[in-house]
Amino acid sequence: MEINQPRIDLKKQPTMSCEQCKSEIFQEIVLIKKVPKLLTGSLEDTIVPFPSYRCADCGHMNEDFRLFDETNKTNLI
């Protein structure tokens, strides 16, 4: 039985650009959260990686790539 998957032409999709410098080149980065052992019930603190992106030219991270609102410490995922 075949599953009908939508055919998406990625060439026709918009290319994201940096909100500050308009560059279209990004670097993959990793944000790391440390979860205290008291919250997880484990014997040790847990390190949790979250992949994201920043501009390769100016280093800016677009709002779409921000996984957490660090001003309010609120998880946006």
N, C-alpha and C. Protein backbone atom coordinates (compact mmCIF):
# COMPACT_ATOMS: atom_id res chain seq x y z
N MET A 1 0.84 -1.18 0.00
CA MET A 1 0.00 0.00 0.00
C MET A 1 0.89 1.25 0.00
N GLU A 2 0.68 2.09 -0.96
CA GLU A 2 1.46 3.32 -1.08
C GLU A 2 0.82 4.44 -0.28
N ILE A 3 1.68 5.22 0.36
CA ILE A 3 1.20 6.40 1.07
C ILE A 3 1.43 7.60 0.18
N ASN A 4 0.37 8.36 -0.05
CA ASN A 4 0.49 9.56 -0.89
C ASN A 4 1.12 10.68 -0.08
N GLN A 5 2.35 10.99 -0.42
CA GLN A 5 3.06 12.07 0.26
C GLN A 5 2.99 13.30 -0.63
N PRO A 6 2.79 14.46 -0.03
CA PRO A 6 2.77 15.67 -0.86
C PRO A 6 4.13 15.89 -1.52
N ARG A 7 4.09 16.34 -2.75
CA ARG A 7 5.33 16.64 -3.47
C ARG A 7 5.60 18.14 -3.32
N ILE A 8 6.69 18.44 -2.66
CA ILE A 8 7.04 19.83 -2.40
C ILE A 8 8.30 20.16 -3.18
N ASP A 9 8.21 21.18 -3.99
CA ASP A 9 9.37 21.64 -4.74
C ASP A 9 10.08 22.69 -3.88
N LEU A 10 11.18 22.30 -3.23
CA LEU A 10 11.89 23.20 -2.34
C LEU A 10 12.46 24.43 -3.05
N LYS A 11 12.70 24.32 -4.34
CA LYS A 11 13.21 25.47 -5.09
C LYS A 11 12.20 26.61 -5.11
N LYS A 12 10.92 26.29 -4.98
CA LYS A 12 9.87 27.31 -5.03
C LYS A 12 9.52 27.86 -3.65
N GLN A 13 10.12 27.33 -2.61
CA GLN A 13 9.85 27.80 -1.25
C GLN A 13 10.74 29.01 -0.93
N PRO A 14 10.25 29.91 -0.08
CA PRO A 14 11.05 31.10 0.23
C PRO A 14 12.33 30.75 0.99
N THR A 15 13.40 31.45 0.69
CA THR A 15 14.66 31.28 1.39
C THR A 15 14.70 32.25 2.56
N MET A 16 15.03 31.74 3.73
CA MET A 16 15.10 32.60 4.91
C MET A 16 16.36 33.44 4.85
N SER A 17 16.27 34.63 5.42
CA SER A 17 17.43 35.51 5.49
C SER A 17 17.55 36.07 6.90
N CYS A 18 18.73 36.55 7.21
CA CYS A 18 19.00 37.13 8.52
C CYS A 18 18.16 38.39 8.70
N GLU A 19 17.56 38.53 9.87
CA GLU A 19 16.75 39.71 10.17
C GLU A 19 17.58 40.99 10.23
N GLN A 20 18.88 40.85 10.51
CA GLN A 20 19.73 42.05 10.63
C GLN A 20 20.46 42.40 9.35
N CYS A 21 21.19 41.44 8.79
CA CYS A 21 22.05 41.78 7.64
C CYS A 21 21.55 41.23 6.30
N LYS A 22 20.45 40.47 6.33
CA LYS A 22 19.82 39.91 5.12
C LYS A 22 20.61 38.79 4.45
N SER A 23 21.66 38.30 5.10
CA SER A 23 22.42 37.17 4.55
C SER A 23 21.52 35.93 4.51
N GLU A 24 21.76 35.05 3.57
CA GLU A 24 21.00 33.80 3.46
C GLU A 24 21.83 32.59 3.89
N ILE A 25 22.98 32.84 4.51
CA ILE A 25 23.87 31.77 4.95
C ILE A 25 23.80 31.66 6.47
N PHE A 26 23.52 30.45 6.97
CA PHE A 26 23.40 30.22 8.40
C PHE A 26 24.33 29.09 8.85
N GLN A 27 24.69 29.14 10.13
CA GLN A 27 25.49 28.07 10.75
C GLN A 27 24.61 27.34 11.75
N GLU A 28 24.76 26.02 11.81
CA GLU A 28 24.06 25.27 12.83
C GLU A 28 24.80 25.43 14.16
N ILE A 29 24.06 25.70 15.21
CA ILE A 29 24.62 25.84 16.55
C ILE A 29 23.83 24.94 17.50
N VAL A 30 24.33 24.79 18.71
CA VAL A 30 23.64 23.97 19.70
C VAL A 30 23.48 24.78 20.98
N LEU A 31 22.23 24.94 21.41
CA LEU A 31 21.93 25.54 22.71
C LEU A 31 21.87 24.39 23.71
N ILE A 32 22.41 24.60 24.89
CA ILE A 32 22.47 23.52 25.87
C ILE A 32 21.78 23.96 27.15
N LYS A 33 20.86 23.13 27.61
CA LYS A 33 20.17 23.37 28.88
C LYS A 33 20.64 22.33 29.88
N LYS A 34 20.79 22.75 31.12
CA LYS A 34 21.18 21.84 32.19
C LYS A 34 19.96 21.67 33.10
N VAL A 35 19.48 20.43 33.20
CA VAL A 35 18.30 20.13 34.01
C VAL A 35 18.77 19.53 35.33
N PRO A 36 18.45 20.17 36.46
CA PRO A 36 18.90 19.66 37.75
C PRO A 36 18.34 18.28 38.07
N LYS A 37 19.16 17.48 38.73
CA LYS A 37 18.76 16.11 39.07
C LYS A 37 17.51 16.08 39.94
N LEU A 38 17.27 17.12 40.71
CA LEU A 38 16.07 17.16 41.55
C LEU A 38 14.80 17.23 40.71
N LEU A 39 14.88 17.81 39.52
CA LEU A 39 13.71 17.89 38.65
C LEU A 39 13.45 16.59 37.89
N THR A 40 14.52 15.85 37.60
CA THR A 40 14.38 14.63 36.81
C THR A 40 14.30 13.37 37.66
N GLY A 41 14.71 13.47 38.93
CA GLY A 41 14.71 12.29 39.78
C GLY A 41 15.88 11.36 39.51
N SER A 42 16.85 11.81 38.72
CA SER A 42 18.02 10.98 38.43
C SER A 42 19.14 11.29 39.42
N LEU A 43 20.21 10.54 39.31
CA LEU A 43 21.33 10.73 40.22
C LEU A 43 22.23 11.90 39.84
N GLU A 44 22.15 12.33 38.57
CA GLU A 44 23.01 13.42 38.10
C GLU A 44 22.19 14.43 37.31
N ASP A 45 22.72 15.65 37.21
CA ASP A 45 22.10 16.65 36.35
C ASP A 45 22.12 16.14 34.91
N THR A 46 21.15 16.56 34.13
CA THR A 46 21.04 16.13 32.74
C THR A 46 21.34 17.30 31.81
N ILE A 47 22.15 17.05 30.79
CA ILE A 47 22.47 18.04 29.76
C ILE A 47 21.60 17.73 28.55
N VAL A 48 20.85 18.74 28.07
CA VAL A 48 19.95 18.55 26.94
C VAL A 48 20.33 19.51 25.81
N PRO A 49 20.75 18.98 24.64
CA PRO A 49 21.12 19.84 23.52
C PRO A 49 19.90 20.19 22.65
N PHE A 50 19.87 21.43 22.14
CA PHE A 50 18.83 21.88 21.24
C PHE A 50 19.49 22.51 20.02
N PRO A 51 19.41 21.87 18.84
CA PRO A 51 20.02 22.45 17.65
C PRO A 51 19.25 23.70 17.21
N SER A 52 19.97 24.68 16.71
CA SER A 52 19.37 25.90 16.19
C SER A 52 20.32 26.49 15.15
N TYR A 53 20.07 27.73 14.72
CA TYR A 53 20.87 28.36 13.66
C TYR A 53 21.13 29.82 13.99
N ARG A 54 22.27 30.34 13.49
CA ARG A 54 22.58 31.76 13.56
C ARG A 54 23.20 32.17 12.23
N CYS A 55 23.16 33.45 11.96
CA CYS A 55 23.70 33.99 10.72
C CYS A 55 25.22 33.74 10.67
N ALA A 56 25.69 33.25 9.54
CA ALA A 56 27.13 32.99 9.38
C ALA A 56 27.91 34.29 9.19
N ASP A 57 27.24 35.34 8.75
CA ASP A 57 27.95 36.60 8.50
C ASP A 57 28.02 37.50 9.73
N CYS A 58 26.88 37.69 10.43
CA CYS A 58 26.87 38.64 11.55
C CYS A 58 26.63 37.98 12.92
N GLY A 59 26.26 36.70 12.93
CA GLY A 59 26.07 35.98 14.19
C GLY A 59 24.69 36.15 14.81
N HIS A 60 23.80 36.91 14.18
CA HIS A 60 22.44 37.14 14.71
C HIS A 60 21.62 35.85 14.65
N MET A 61 20.77 35.65 15.65
CA MET A 61 19.84 34.53 15.66
C MET A 61 18.43 35.06 15.42
N ASN A 62 17.81 34.69 14.30
CA ASN A 62 16.45 35.12 13.98
C ASN A 62 15.48 34.67 15.06
N GLU A 63 14.41 35.42 15.22
CA GLU A 63 13.38 35.06 16.21
C GLU A 63 12.82 33.66 15.94
N ASP A 64 12.68 33.27 14.67
CA ASP A 64 12.15 31.94 14.34
C ASP A 64 13.04 30.81 14.87
N PHE A 65 14.32 31.11 15.11
CA PHE A 65 15.26 30.09 15.56
C PHE A 65 15.42 30.06 17.07
N ARG A 66 14.85 31.03 17.78
CA ARG A 66 14.97 31.09 19.24
C ARG A 66 13.99 30.10 19.86
N LEU A 67 14.53 29.11 20.56
CA LEU A 67 13.70 28.07 21.16
C LEU A 67 13.17 28.46 22.52
N PHE A 68 13.83 29.41 23.16
CA PHE A 68 13.46 29.81 24.51
C PHE A 68 13.41 31.32 24.61
N ASP A 69 12.47 31.84 25.36
CA ASP A 69 12.41 33.27 25.65
C ASP A 69 13.25 33.47 26.90
N GLU A 70 14.50 33.82 26.73
CA GLU A 70 15.44 33.92 27.85
C GLU A 70 15.12 35.08 28.79
N THR A 71 14.35 36.07 28.33
CA THR A 71 14.01 37.19 29.22
C THR A 71 13.04 36.74 30.30
N ASN A 72 12.12 35.83 29.95
CA ASN A 72 11.14 35.34 30.92
C ASN A 72 11.40 33.90 31.34
N LYS A 73 12.47 33.29 30.80
CA LYS A 73 12.80 31.90 31.07
C LYS A 73 11.61 30.98 30.75
N THR A 74 10.89 31.30 29.68
CA THR A 74 9.73 30.53 29.27
C THR A 74 10.09 29.68 28.06
N ASN A 75 9.75 28.41 28.11
CA ASN A 75 10.00 27.50 27.01
C ASN A 75 9.02 27.82 25.88
N LEU A 76 9.55 28.06 24.67
CA LEU A 76 8.71 28.37 23.53
C LEU A 76 8.51 27.18 22.60
N ILE A 77 8.99 26.02 22.95
CA ILE A 77 8.84 24.85 22.07
C ILE A 77 7.40 24.36 22.14
